[in-house]
Full PDB file with SEQRES, HELIX, SHEET, SSBOND, CRYST1, ORIGX, SCALE, CONECT and MASTER records, all heavy atoms in Angstrom:
SEQRES   1 A   40  SER VAL LYS GLY ARG PHE ALA ILE SER ARG ASP SER ALA          
SEQRES   2 A   40  LYS ASN THR VAL TYR LEU GLN MET ASN SER LEU LYS PRO          
SEQRES   3 A   40  GLU ASP THR ALA VAL TYR TYR CYS ALA ALA ALA LYS SER          
SEQRES   4 A   40  ALA                                                          
HELIX    1 AA1 PRO A   26  ASP A   28  5                                   3    
SHEET    1 AA1 2 PHE A   6  ASP A  11  0                                        
SHEET    2 AA1 2 THR A  16  MET A  21 -1                                        
CRYST1    1.000    1.000    1.000  90.00  90.00  90.00 P 1           1          
ORIGX1      1.000000  0.000000  0.000000        0.00000                         
ORIGX2      0.000000  1.000000  0.000000        0.00000                         
ORIGX3      0.000000  0.000000  1.000000        0.00000                         
SCALE1      1.000000  0.000000  0.000000        0.00000                         
SCALE2      0.000000  1.000000  0.000000        0.00000                         
SCALE3      0.000000  0.000000  1.000000        0.00000                         
ATOM      1  N   SER A   1     -11.454  -5.454   0.399  1.00  0.00           N  
ATOM      2  CA  SER A   1     -11.656  -4.986  -1.080  1.00  0.00           C  
ATOM      3  C   SER A   1     -10.311  -4.930  -1.854  1.00  0.00           C  
ATOM      4  O   SER A   1     -10.605  -4.885  -3.093  1.00  0.00           O  
ATOM      5  CB  SER A   1     -12.136  -3.489  -0.854  1.00  0.00           C  
ATOM      6  OG  SER A   1     -11.267  -2.647  -0.168  1.00  0.00           O  
ATOM      7  N   VAL A   2      -9.278  -5.163  -1.221  1.00  0.00           N  
ATOM      8  CA  VAL A   2      -8.019  -5.061  -2.098  1.00  0.00           C  
ATOM      9  C   VAL A   2      -7.240  -6.396  -1.944  1.00  0.00           C  
ATOM     10  O   VAL A   2      -6.247  -6.597  -2.674  1.00  0.00           O  
ATOM     11  CB  VAL A   2      -7.049  -3.870  -1.728  1.00  0.00           C  
ATOM     12  CG1 VAL A   2      -7.830  -2.642  -1.763  1.00  0.00           C  
ATOM     13  CG2 VAL A   2      -6.438  -4.138  -0.302  1.00  0.00           C  
ATOM     14  N   LYS A   3      -7.697  -7.252  -1.143  1.00  0.00           N  
ATOM     15  CA  LYS A   3      -7.020  -8.569  -0.936  1.00  0.00           C  
ATOM     16  C   LYS A   3      -6.853  -9.302  -2.254  1.00  0.00           C  
ATOM     17  O   LYS A   3      -7.843  -9.452  -2.938  1.00  0.00           O  
ATOM     18  CB  LYS A   3      -7.756  -9.427   0.222  1.00  0.00           C  
ATOM     19  CG  LYS A   3      -6.951 -10.379   0.745  1.00  0.00           C  
ATOM     20  CD  LYS A   3      -7.615 -11.061   2.034  1.00  0.00           C  
ATOM     21  CE  LYS A   3      -7.833 -10.007   3.052  1.00  0.00           C  
ATOM     22  NZ  LYS A   3      -8.512 -10.597   4.345  1.00  0.00           N  
ATOM     23  N   GLY A   4      -5.692  -9.862  -2.545  1.00  0.00           N  
ATOM     24  CA  GLY A   4      -5.492 -10.508  -3.833  1.00  0.00           C  
ATOM     25  C   GLY A   4      -5.121  -9.680  -4.972  1.00  0.00           C  
ATOM     26  O   GLY A   4      -4.713 -10.121  -6.018  1.00  0.00           O  
ATOM     27  N   ARG A   5      -5.269  -8.274  -4.795  1.00  0.00           N  
ATOM     28  CA  ARG A   5      -4.897  -7.417  -5.929  1.00  0.00           C  
ATOM     29  C   ARG A   5      -3.809  -6.583  -5.457  1.00  0.00           C  
ATOM     30  O   ARG A   5      -2.973  -6.119  -6.396  1.00  0.00           O  
ATOM     31  CB  ARG A   5      -6.142  -6.553  -6.172  1.00  0.00           C  
ATOM     32  CG  ARG A   5      -7.325  -7.299  -6.751  1.00  0.00           C  
ATOM     33  CD  ARG A   5      -8.425  -6.465  -7.276  1.00  0.00           C  
ATOM     34  NE  ARG A   5      -8.952  -5.406  -6.124  1.00  0.00           N  
ATOM     35  CZ  ARG A   5      -8.946  -4.073  -6.351  1.00  0.00           C  
ATOM     36  NH1 ARG A   5      -8.455  -3.512  -7.392  1.00  0.00           N  
ATOM     37  NH2 ARG A   5      -9.468  -3.401  -5.288  1.00  0.00           N  
ATOM     38  N   PHE A   6      -3.703  -6.130  -4.222  1.00  0.00           N  
ATOM     39  CA  PHE A   6      -2.618  -5.184  -3.804  1.00  0.00           C  
ATOM     40  C   PHE A   6      -1.588  -6.031  -2.903  1.00  0.00           C  
ATOM     41  O   PHE A   6      -1.998  -7.077  -2.236  1.00  0.00           O  
ATOM     42  CB  PHE A   6      -3.279  -4.222  -2.843  1.00  0.00           C  
ATOM     43  CG  PHE A   6      -4.090  -3.071  -3.535  1.00  0.00           C  
ATOM     44  CD1 PHE A   6      -4.550  -3.261  -4.917  1.00  0.00           C  
ATOM     45  CD2 PHE A   6      -4.507  -1.979  -2.867  1.00  0.00           C  
ATOM     46  CE1 PHE A   6      -5.258  -2.342  -5.487  1.00  0.00           C  
ATOM     47  CE2 PHE A   6      -5.292  -0.989  -3.469  1.00  0.00           C  
ATOM     48  CZ  PHE A   6      -5.705  -1.139  -4.801  1.00  0.00           C  
ATOM     49  N   ALA A   7      -0.338  -5.511  -2.932  1.00  0.00           N  
ATOM     50  CA  ALA A   7       0.645  -6.177  -2.153  1.00  0.00           C  
ATOM     51  C   ALA A   7       1.584  -5.072  -1.532  1.00  0.00           C  
ATOM     52  O   ALA A   7       2.048  -4.135  -2.222  1.00  0.00           O  
ATOM     53  CB  ALA A   7       1.566  -7.092  -2.961  1.00  0.00           C  
ATOM     54  N   ILE A   8       1.711  -5.136  -0.160  1.00  0.00           N  
ATOM     55  CA  ILE A   8       2.622  -4.202   0.495  1.00  0.00           C  
ATOM     56  C   ILE A   8       3.903  -4.744   0.841  1.00  0.00           C  
ATOM     57  O   ILE A   8       4.054  -6.058   1.091  1.00  0.00           O  
ATOM     58  CB  ILE A   8       1.858  -3.793   1.756  1.00  0.00           C  
ATOM     59  CG1 ILE A   8       2.550  -2.613   2.396  1.00  0.00           C  
ATOM     60  CG2 ILE A   8       1.804  -4.973   2.699  1.00  0.00           C  
ATOM     61  CD1 ILE A   8       1.754  -1.883   3.547  1.00  0.00           C  
ATOM     62  N   SER A   9       4.916  -3.983   0.744  1.00  0.00           N  
ATOM     63  CA  SER A   9       6.271  -4.486   1.039  1.00  0.00           C  
ATOM     64  C   SER A   9       7.165  -3.433   1.622  1.00  0.00           C  
ATOM     65  O   SER A   9       6.707  -2.258   1.614  1.00  0.00           O  
ATOM     66  CB  SER A   9       6.980  -5.099  -0.193  1.00  0.00           C  
ATOM     67  OG  SER A   9       7.012  -4.040  -1.287  1.00  0.00           O  
ATOM     68  N   ARG A  10       8.260  -3.714   2.160  1.00  0.00           N  
ATOM     69  CA  ARG A  10       9.084  -2.704   2.838  1.00  0.00           C  
ATOM     70  C   ARG A  10      10.579  -2.993   2.501  1.00  0.00           C  
ATOM     71  O   ARG A  10      10.995  -4.075   2.459  1.00  0.00           O  
ATOM     72  CB  ARG A  10       8.852  -2.765   4.392  1.00  0.00           C  
ATOM     73  CG  ARG A  10       9.745  -1.875   5.146  1.00  0.00           C  
ATOM     74  CD  ARG A  10       9.470  -2.105   6.642  1.00  0.00           C  
ATOM     75  NE  ARG A  10      10.330  -1.147   7.524  1.00  0.00           N  
ATOM     76  CZ  ARG A  10      11.260  -1.628   8.212  1.00  0.00           C  
ATOM     77  NH1 ARG A  10      11.498  -2.934   8.304  1.00  0.00           N  
ATOM     78  NH2 ARG A  10      11.982  -0.951   9.015  1.00  0.00           N  
ATOM     79  N   ASP A  11      11.244  -1.838   2.269  1.00  0.00           N  
ATOM     80  CA  ASP A  11      12.664  -1.932   2.013  1.00  0.00           C  
ATOM     81  C   ASP A  11      13.240  -1.184   3.233  1.00  0.00           C  
ATOM     82  O   ASP A  11      13.234   0.114   3.314  1.00  0.00           O  
ATOM     83  CB  ASP A  11      13.135  -1.201   0.753  1.00  0.00           C  
ATOM     84  CG  ASP A  11      14.545  -1.289   0.485  1.00  0.00           C  
ATOM     85  OD1 ASP A  11      15.358  -1.445   1.519  1.00  0.00           O  
ATOM     86  OD2 ASP A  11      14.998  -1.273  -0.628  1.00  0.00           O  
ATOM     87  N   SER A  12      13.788  -1.995   4.300  1.00  0.00           N  
ATOM     88  CA  SER A  12      14.172  -1.383   5.555  1.00  0.00           C  
ATOM     89  C   SER A  12      15.372  -0.353   5.360  1.00  0.00           C  
ATOM     90  O   SER A  12      15.514   0.561   6.002  1.00  0.00           O  
ATOM     91  CB  SER A  12      14.399  -2.407   6.625  1.00  0.00           C  
ATOM     92  OG  SER A  12      15.440  -3.244   6.049  1.00  0.00           O  
ATOM     93  N   ALA A  13      16.219  -0.820   4.281  1.00  0.00           N  
ATOM     94  CA  ALA A  13      17.456   0.017   4.147  1.00  0.00           C  
ATOM     95  C   ALA A  13      17.085   1.419   3.566  1.00  0.00           C  
ATOM     96  O   ALA A  13      17.889   2.235   3.818  1.00  0.00           O  
ATOM     97  CB  ALA A  13      18.342  -0.837   3.161  1.00  0.00           C  
ATOM     98  N   LYS A  14      16.057   1.414   2.870  1.00  0.00           N  
ATOM     99  CA  LYS A  14      15.689   2.689   2.313  1.00  0.00           C  
ATOM    100  C   LYS A  14      14.527   3.383   3.136  1.00  0.00           C  
ATOM    101  O   LYS A  14      14.090   4.494   2.757  1.00  0.00           O  
ATOM    102  CB  LYS A  14      15.170   2.524   0.890  1.00  0.00           C  
ATOM    103  CG  LYS A  14      16.274   2.101  -0.039  1.00  0.00           C  
ATOM    104  CD  LYS A  14      15.641   1.894  -1.515  1.00  0.00           C  
ATOM    105  CE  LYS A  14      16.714   1.396  -2.441  1.00  0.00           C  
ATOM    106  NZ  LYS A  14      16.183   1.257  -3.786  1.00  0.00           N  
ATOM    107  N   ASN A  15      14.082   2.758   4.157  1.00  0.00           N  
ATOM    108  CA  ASN A  15      12.949   3.257   4.978  1.00  0.00           C  
ATOM    109  C   ASN A  15      11.881   3.580   4.025  1.00  0.00           C  
ATOM    110  O   ASN A  15      11.187   4.706   4.257  1.00  0.00           O  
ATOM    111  CB  ASN A  15      13.446   4.662   5.786  1.00  0.00           C  
ATOM    112  CG  ASN A  15      14.136   4.216   7.035  1.00  0.00           C  
ATOM    113  OD1 ASN A  15      13.815   3.294   7.689  1.00  0.00           O  
ATOM    114  ND2 ASN A  15      15.125   4.996   7.465  1.00  0.00           N  
ATOM    115  N   THR A  16      11.475   2.696   3.200  1.00  0.00           N  
ATOM    116  CA  THR A  16      10.432   2.942   2.214  1.00  0.00           C  
ATOM    117  C   THR A  16       9.484   1.768   2.249  1.00  0.00           C  
ATOM    118  O   THR A  16       9.986   0.589   2.292  1.00  0.00           O  
ATOM    119  CB  THR A  16      11.047   3.183   0.875  1.00  0.00           C  
ATOM    120  OG1 THR A  16      11.855   4.366   0.796  1.00  0.00           O  
ATOM    121  CG2 THR A  16      10.045   3.341  -0.178  1.00  0.00           C  
ATOM    122  N   VAL A  17       8.184   2.182   2.058  1.00  0.00           N  
ATOM    123  CA  VAL A  17       7.138   1.084   2.021  1.00  0.00           C  
ATOM    124  C   VAL A  17       6.544   1.277   0.734  1.00  0.00           C  
ATOM    125  O   VAL A  17       6.412   2.381   0.186  1.00  0.00           O  
ATOM    126  CB  VAL A  17       6.077   1.238   3.180  1.00  0.00           C  
ATOM    127  CG1 VAL A  17       4.950   0.337   2.890  1.00  0.00           C  
ATOM    128  CG2 VAL A  17       6.763   0.858   4.494  1.00  0.00           C  
ATOM    129  N   TYR A  18       6.271   0.145  -0.015  1.00  0.00           N  
ATOM    130  CA  TYR A  18       5.623   0.167  -1.260  1.00  0.00           C  
ATOM    131  C   TYR A  18       4.209  -0.542  -1.305  1.00  0.00           C  
ATOM    132  O   TYR A  18       3.941  -1.338  -0.476  1.00  0.00           O  
ATOM    133  CB  TYR A  18       6.485  -0.638  -2.324  1.00  0.00           C  
ATOM    134  CG  TYR A  18       7.825  -0.190  -2.343  1.00  0.00           C  
ATOM    135  CD1 TYR A  18       8.868  -0.729  -1.657  1.00  0.00           C  
ATOM    136  CD2 TYR A  18       8.155   1.008  -3.242  1.00  0.00           C  
ATOM    137  CE1 TYR A  18      10.122  -0.323  -1.688  1.00  0.00           C  
ATOM    138  CE2 TYR A  18       9.521   1.368  -3.229  1.00  0.00           C  
ATOM    139  CZ  TYR A  18      10.489   0.754  -2.520  1.00  0.00           C  
ATOM    140  OH  TYR A  18      11.722   1.221  -2.624  1.00  0.00           O  
ATOM    141  N   LEU A  19       3.348  -0.045  -2.169  1.00  0.00           N  
ATOM    142  CA  LEU A  19       2.032  -0.648  -2.267  1.00  0.00           C  
ATOM    143  C   LEU A  19       1.790  -0.966  -3.768  1.00  0.00           C  
ATOM    144  O   LEU A  19       1.673  -0.005  -4.650  1.00  0.00           O  
ATOM    145  CB  LEU A  19       0.893   0.295  -1.869  1.00  0.00           C  
ATOM    146  CG  LEU A  19      -0.466  -0.314  -1.800  1.00  0.00           C  
ATOM    147  CD1 LEU A  19      -0.525  -1.521  -0.869  1.00  0.00           C  
ATOM    148  CD2 LEU A  19      -1.494   0.697  -1.525  1.00  0.00           C  
ATOM    149  N   GLN A  20       2.039  -2.095  -4.159  1.00  0.00           N  
ATOM    150  CA  GLN A  20       1.857  -2.600  -5.547  1.00  0.00           C  
ATOM    151  C   GLN A  20       0.365  -2.832  -5.715  1.00  0.00           C  
ATOM    152  O   GLN A  20      -0.288  -3.622  -5.026  1.00  0.00           O  
ATOM    153  CB  GLN A  20       2.575  -3.914  -5.840  1.00  0.00           C  
ATOM    154  CG  GLN A  20       2.405  -4.424  -7.242  1.00  0.00           C  
ATOM    155  CD  GLN A  20       2.933  -3.508  -8.216  1.00  0.00           C  
ATOM    156  OE1 GLN A  20       3.989  -2.982  -8.130  1.00  0.00           O  
ATOM    157  NE2 GLN A  20       2.231  -3.295  -9.359  1.00  0.00           N  
ATOM    158  N   MET A  21      -0.299  -2.134  -6.716  1.00  0.00           N  
ATOM    159  CA  MET A  21      -1.753  -2.205  -6.871  1.00  0.00           C  
ATOM    160  C   MET A  21      -1.912  -2.796  -8.260  1.00  0.00           C  
ATOM    161  O   MET A  21      -1.544  -2.166  -9.236  1.00  0.00           O  
ATOM    162  CB  MET A  21      -2.384  -0.831  -6.824  1.00  0.00           C  
ATOM    163  CG  MET A  21      -2.065  -0.186  -5.481  1.00  0.00           C  
ATOM    164  SD  MET A  21      -2.997   1.304  -5.089  1.00  0.00           S  
ATOM    165  CE  MET A  21      -2.261   2.373  -6.468  1.00  0.00           C  
ATOM    166  N   ASN A  22      -2.476  -3.838  -8.465  1.00  0.00           N  
ATOM    167  CA  ASN A  22      -2.835  -4.523  -9.632  1.00  0.00           C  
ATOM    168  C   ASN A  22      -4.277  -4.713  -9.881  1.00  0.00           C  
ATOM    169  O   ASN A  22      -5.103  -4.535  -8.983  1.00  0.00           O  
ATOM    170  CB  ASN A  22      -2.257  -5.999  -9.751  1.00  0.00           C  
ATOM    171  CG  ASN A  22      -0.681  -5.984  -9.584  1.00  0.00           C  
ATOM    172  OD1 ASN A  22      -0.107  -5.003 -10.070  1.00  0.00           O  
ATOM    173  ND2 ASN A  22      -0.111  -6.906  -8.861  1.00  0.00           N  
ATOM    174  N   SER A  23      -4.672  -4.935 -11.112  1.00  0.00           N  
ATOM    175  CA  SER A  23      -6.148  -5.181 -11.355  1.00  0.00           C  
ATOM    176  C   SER A  23      -7.019  -4.010 -10.901  1.00  0.00           C  
ATOM    177  O   SER A  23      -8.040  -4.254 -10.202  1.00  0.00           O  
ATOM    178  CB  SER A  23      -6.704  -6.538 -10.852  1.00  0.00           C  
ATOM    179  OG  SER A  23      -5.788  -7.569 -11.379  1.00  0.00           O  
ATOM    180  N   LEU A  24      -6.545  -2.826 -11.017  1.00  0.00           N  
ATOM    181  CA  LEU A  24      -7.169  -1.700 -10.455  1.00  0.00           C  
ATOM    182  C   LEU A  24      -8.585  -1.501 -11.065  1.00  0.00           C  
ATOM    183  O   LEU A  24      -8.829  -1.790 -12.211  1.00  0.00           O  
ATOM    184  CB  LEU A  24      -6.460  -0.438 -10.702  1.00  0.00           C  
ATOM    185  CG  LEU A  24      -5.173  -0.266  -9.756  1.00  0.00           C  
ATOM    186  CD1 LEU A  24      -4.177   0.739 -10.321  1.00  0.00           C  
ATOM    187  CD2 LEU A  24      -5.676   0.153  -8.385  1.00  0.00           C  
ATOM    188  N   LYS A  25      -9.473  -0.907 -10.192  1.00  0.00           N  
ATOM    189  CA  LYS A  25     -10.857  -0.846 -10.532  1.00  0.00           C  
ATOM    190  C   LYS A  25     -11.198   0.704 -10.387  1.00  0.00           C  
ATOM    191  O   LYS A  25     -10.576   1.402  -9.531  1.00  0.00           O  
ATOM    192  CB  LYS A  25     -11.795  -1.612  -9.682  1.00  0.00           C  
ATOM    193  CG  LYS A  25     -11.502  -2.924  -9.621  1.00  0.00           C  
ATOM    194  CD  LYS A  25     -12.357  -3.719  -8.612  1.00  0.00           C  
ATOM    195  CE  LYS A  25     -11.980  -5.263  -8.598  1.00  0.00           C  
ATOM    196  NZ  LYS A  25     -12.805  -5.982  -7.504  1.00  0.00           N  
ATOM    197  N   PRO A  26     -12.164   1.220 -10.982  1.00  0.00           N  
ATOM    198  CA  PRO A  26     -12.644   2.665 -10.796  1.00  0.00           C  
ATOM    199  C   PRO A  26     -12.933   2.998  -9.403  1.00  0.00           C  
ATOM    200  O   PRO A  26     -12.646   4.093  -8.873  1.00  0.00           O  
ATOM    201  CB  PRO A  26     -13.828   2.793 -11.573  1.00  0.00           C  
ATOM    202  CG  PRO A  26     -13.610   1.755 -12.850  1.00  0.00           C  
ATOM    203  CD  PRO A  26     -12.967   0.576 -12.117  1.00  0.00           C  
ATOM    204  N   GLU A  27     -13.389   2.019  -8.563  1.00  0.00           N  
ATOM    205  CA  GLU A  27     -13.689   2.188  -7.181  1.00  0.00           C  
ATOM    206  C   GLU A  27     -12.418   2.262  -6.298  1.00  0.00           C  
ATOM    207  O   GLU A  27     -12.571   2.660  -5.080  1.00  0.00           O  
ATOM    208  CB  GLU A  27     -14.690   1.106  -6.686  1.00  0.00           C  
ATOM    209  CG  GLU A  27     -14.181  -0.256  -6.790  1.00  0.00           C  
ATOM    210  CD  GLU A  27     -14.781  -0.992  -7.999  1.00  0.00           C  
ATOM    211  OE1 GLU A  27     -14.922  -0.250  -9.159  1.00  0.00           O  
ATOM    212  OE2 GLU A  27     -15.356  -2.031  -7.953  1.00  0.00           O  
ATOM    213  N   ASP A  28     -11.239   2.060  -6.868  1.00  0.00           N  
ATOM    214  CA  ASP A  28      -9.928   2.266  -6.264  1.00  0.00           C  
ATOM    215  C   ASP A  28      -9.627   3.752  -6.290  1.00  0.00           C  
ATOM    216  O   ASP A  28      -8.506   4.243  -5.628  1.00  0.00           O  
ATOM    217  CB  ASP A  28      -8.953   1.405  -6.728  1.00  0.00           C  
ATOM    218  CG  ASP A  28      -9.157  -0.012  -6.662  1.00  0.00           C  
ATOM    219  OD1 ASP A  28      -9.574  -0.452  -5.430  1.00  0.00           O  
ATOM    220  OD2 ASP A  28      -8.938  -0.784  -7.489  1.00  0.00           O  
ATOM    221  N   THR A  29     -10.297   4.581  -7.080  1.00  0.00           N  
ATOM    222  CA  THR A  29      -9.996   6.017  -7.107  1.00  0.00           C  
ATOM    223  C   THR A  29     -10.080   6.711  -5.802  1.00  0.00           C  
ATOM    224  O   THR A  29     -11.077   6.626  -5.179  1.00  0.00           O  
ATOM    225  CB  THR A  29     -10.869   6.633  -8.214  1.00  0.00           C  
ATOM    226  OG1 THR A  29     -10.578   6.171  -9.542  1.00  0.00           O  
ATOM    227  CG2 THR A  29     -10.611   8.162  -8.317  1.00  0.00           C  
ATOM    228  N   ALA A  30      -8.937   7.354  -5.484  1.00  0.00           N  
ATOM    229  CA  ALA A  30      -8.969   8.040  -4.139  1.00  0.00           C  
ATOM    230  C   ALA A  30      -7.618   8.731  -4.009  1.00  0.00           C  
ATOM    231  O   ALA A  30      -6.610   8.464  -4.860  1.00  0.00           O  
ATOM    232  CB  ALA A  30      -9.181   7.133  -3.052  1.00  0.00           C  
ATOM    233  N   VAL A  31      -7.501   9.411  -2.939  1.00  0.00           N  
ATOM    234  CA  VAL A  31      -6.173   9.912  -2.481  1.00  0.00           C  
ATOM    235  C   VAL A  31      -5.655   8.930  -1.519  1.00  0.00           C  
ATOM    236  O   VAL A  31      -6.423   8.536  -0.521  1.00  0.00           O  
ATOM    237  CB  VAL A  31      -6.169  11.374  -1.835  1.00  0.00           C  
ATOM    238  CG1 VAL A  31      -4.897  11.738  -1.282  1.00  0.00           C  
ATOM    239  CG2 VAL A  31      -6.768  12.387  -2.754  1.00  0.00           C  
ATOM    240  N   TYR A  32      -4.465   8.421  -1.772  1.00  0.00           N  
ATOM    241  CA  TYR A  32      -3.930   7.340  -0.929  1.00  0.00           C  
ATOM    242  C   TYR A  32      -2.850   8.121   0.072  1.00  0.00           C  
ATOM    243  O   TYR A  32      -1.994   8.772  -0.417  1.00  0.00           O  
ATOM    244  CB  TYR A  32      -3.176   6.314  -1.803  1.00  0.00           C  
ATOM    245  CG  TYR A  32      -4.175   5.429  -2.354  1.00  0.00           C  
ATOM    246  CD1 TYR A  32      -4.942   5.815  -3.429  1.00  0.00           C  
ATOM    247  CD2 TYR A  32      -4.289   4.155  -1.995  1.00  0.00           C  
ATOM    248  CE1 TYR A  32      -5.964   4.974  -3.912  1.00  0.00           C  
ATOM    249  CE2 TYR A  32      -5.221   3.227  -2.605  1.00  0.00           C  
ATOM    250  CZ  TYR A  32      -5.933   3.622  -3.533  1.00  0.00           C  
ATOM    251  OH  TYR A  32      -6.920   2.792  -4.102  1.00  0.00           O  
ATOM    252  N   TYR A  33      -2.994   7.696   1.316  1.00  0.00           N  
ATOM    253  CA  TYR A  33      -2.233   8.320   2.352  1.00  0.00           C  
ATOM    254  C   TYR A  33      -1.255   7.104   2.989  1.00  0.00           C  
ATOM    255  O   TYR A  33      -1.868   6.071   3.290  1.00  0.00           O  
ATOM    256  CB  TYR A  33      -3.020   8.986   3.474  1.00  0.00           C  
ATOM    257  CG  TYR A  33      -3.766  10.093   2.897  1.00  0.00           C  
ATOM    258  CD1 TYR A  33      -5.135   9.903   2.508  1.00  0.00           C  
ATOM    259  CD2 TYR A  33      -3.233  11.409   3.033  1.00  0.00           C  
ATOM    260  CE1 TYR A  33      -5.847  11.007   2.009  1.00  0.00           C  
ATOM    261  CE2 TYR A  33      -3.999  12.371   2.553  1.00  0.00           C  
ATOM    262  CZ  TYR A  33      -5.336  12.378   2.153  1.00  0.00           C  
ATOM    263  OH  TYR A  33      -6.051  13.411   1.734  1.00  0.00           O  
ATOM    264  N   CYS A  34      -0.119   7.484   3.269  1.00  0.00           N  
ATOM    265  CA  CYS A  34       0.818   6.649   4.027  1.00  0.00           C  
ATOM    266  C   CYS A  34       0.881   7.048   5.451  1.00  0.00           C  
ATOM    267  O   CYS A  34       0.755   8.405   5.669  1.00  0.00           O  
ATOM    268  CB  CYS A  34       2.156   6.763   3.368  1.00  0.00           C  
ATOM    269  SG  CYS A  34       3.600   5.934   4.284  1.00  0.00           S  
ATOM    270  N   ALA A  35       1.076   6.166   6.369  1.00  0.00           N  
ATOM    271  CA  ALA A  35       1.101   6.610   7.800  1.00  0.00           C  
ATOM    272  C   ALA A  35       2.108   5.634   8.542  1.00  0.00           C  
ATOM    273  O   ALA A  35       2.196   4.485   8.096  1.00  0.00           O  
ATOM    274  CB  ALA A  35      -0.336   6.512   8.427  1.00  0.00           C  
ATOM    275  N   ALA A  36       2.617   6.177   9.563  1.00  0.00           N  
ATOM    276  CA  ALA A  36       3.582   5.354  10.363  1.00  0.00           C  
ATOM    277  C   ALA A  36       3.128   5.313  11.797  1.00  0.00           C  
ATOM    278  O   ALA A  36       2.571   6.133  12.344  1.00  0.00           O  
ATOM    279  CB  ALA A  36       4.969   6.048  10.329  1.00  0.00           C  
ATOM    280  N   ALA A  37       3.364   4.150  12.481  1.00  0.00           N  
ATOM    281  CA  ALA A  37       2.916   3.861  13.697  1.00  0.00           C  
ATOM    282  C   ALA A  37       4.003   3.307  14.609  1.00  0.00           C  
ATOM    283  O   ALA A  37       4.916   2.614  14.204  1.00  0.00           O  
ATOM    284  CB  ALA A  37       1.693   2.807  13.716  1.00  0.00           C  
ATOM    285  N   LYS A  38       3.869   3.649  15.939  1.00  0.00           N  
ATOM    286  CA  LYS A  38       4.952   3.218  16.839  1.00  0.00           C  
ATOM    287  C   LYS A  38       4.459   1.950  17.679  1.00  0.00           C  
ATOM    288  O   LYS A  38       5.130   1.406  18.486  1.00  0.00           O  
ATOM    289  CB  LYS A  38       5.263   4.279  17.893  1.00  0.00           C  
ATOM    290  CG  LYS A  38       5.980   5.497  17.184  1.00  0.00           C  
ATOM    291  CD  LYS A  38       6.215   6.606  18.209  1.00  0.00           C  
ATOM    292  CE  LYS A  38       7.025   7.682  17.543  1.00  0.00           C  
ATOM    293  NZ  LYS A  38       6.355   8.296  16.358  1.00  0.00           N  
ATOM    294  N   SER A  39       3.182   1.502  17.400  1.00  0.00           N  
ATOM    295  CA  SER A  39       2.581   0.375  17.961  1.00  0.00           C  
ATOM    296  C   SER A  39       1.940  -0.456  16.843  1.00  0.00           C  
ATOM    297  O   SER A  39       1.324   0.119  15.866  1.00  0.00           O  
ATOM    298  CB  SER A  39       1.602   0.662  18.979  1.00  0.00           C  
ATOM    299  OG  SER A  39       0.799  -0.389  19.474  1.00  0.00           O  
ATOM    300  N   ALA A  40       1.989  -1.713  16.952  1.00  0.00           N  
ATOM    301  CA  ALA A  40       1.441  -2.658  15.999  1.00  0.00           C  
ATOM    302  C   ALA A  40      -0.084  -3.007  16.275  1.00  0.00           C  
ATOM    303  O   ALA A  40      -0.634  -3.808  15.609  1.00  0.00           O  
ATOM    304  CB  ALA A  40       2.236  -3.867  15.654  1.00  0.00           C  
TER     305      ALA A  40                                                      
MASTER        0    0    0    1    2    0    0    6  304    1    0    4          
END                                                                             
């Protein structure tokens, strides 16, 4: 549902992950949660 519109990236030096969201639609309305995992 977000492929081609959203892009995820990471700045390892800042321990920060970004989610760039473009071409947003009303159906993208939500609470967005970040999560971390120890396994891929």
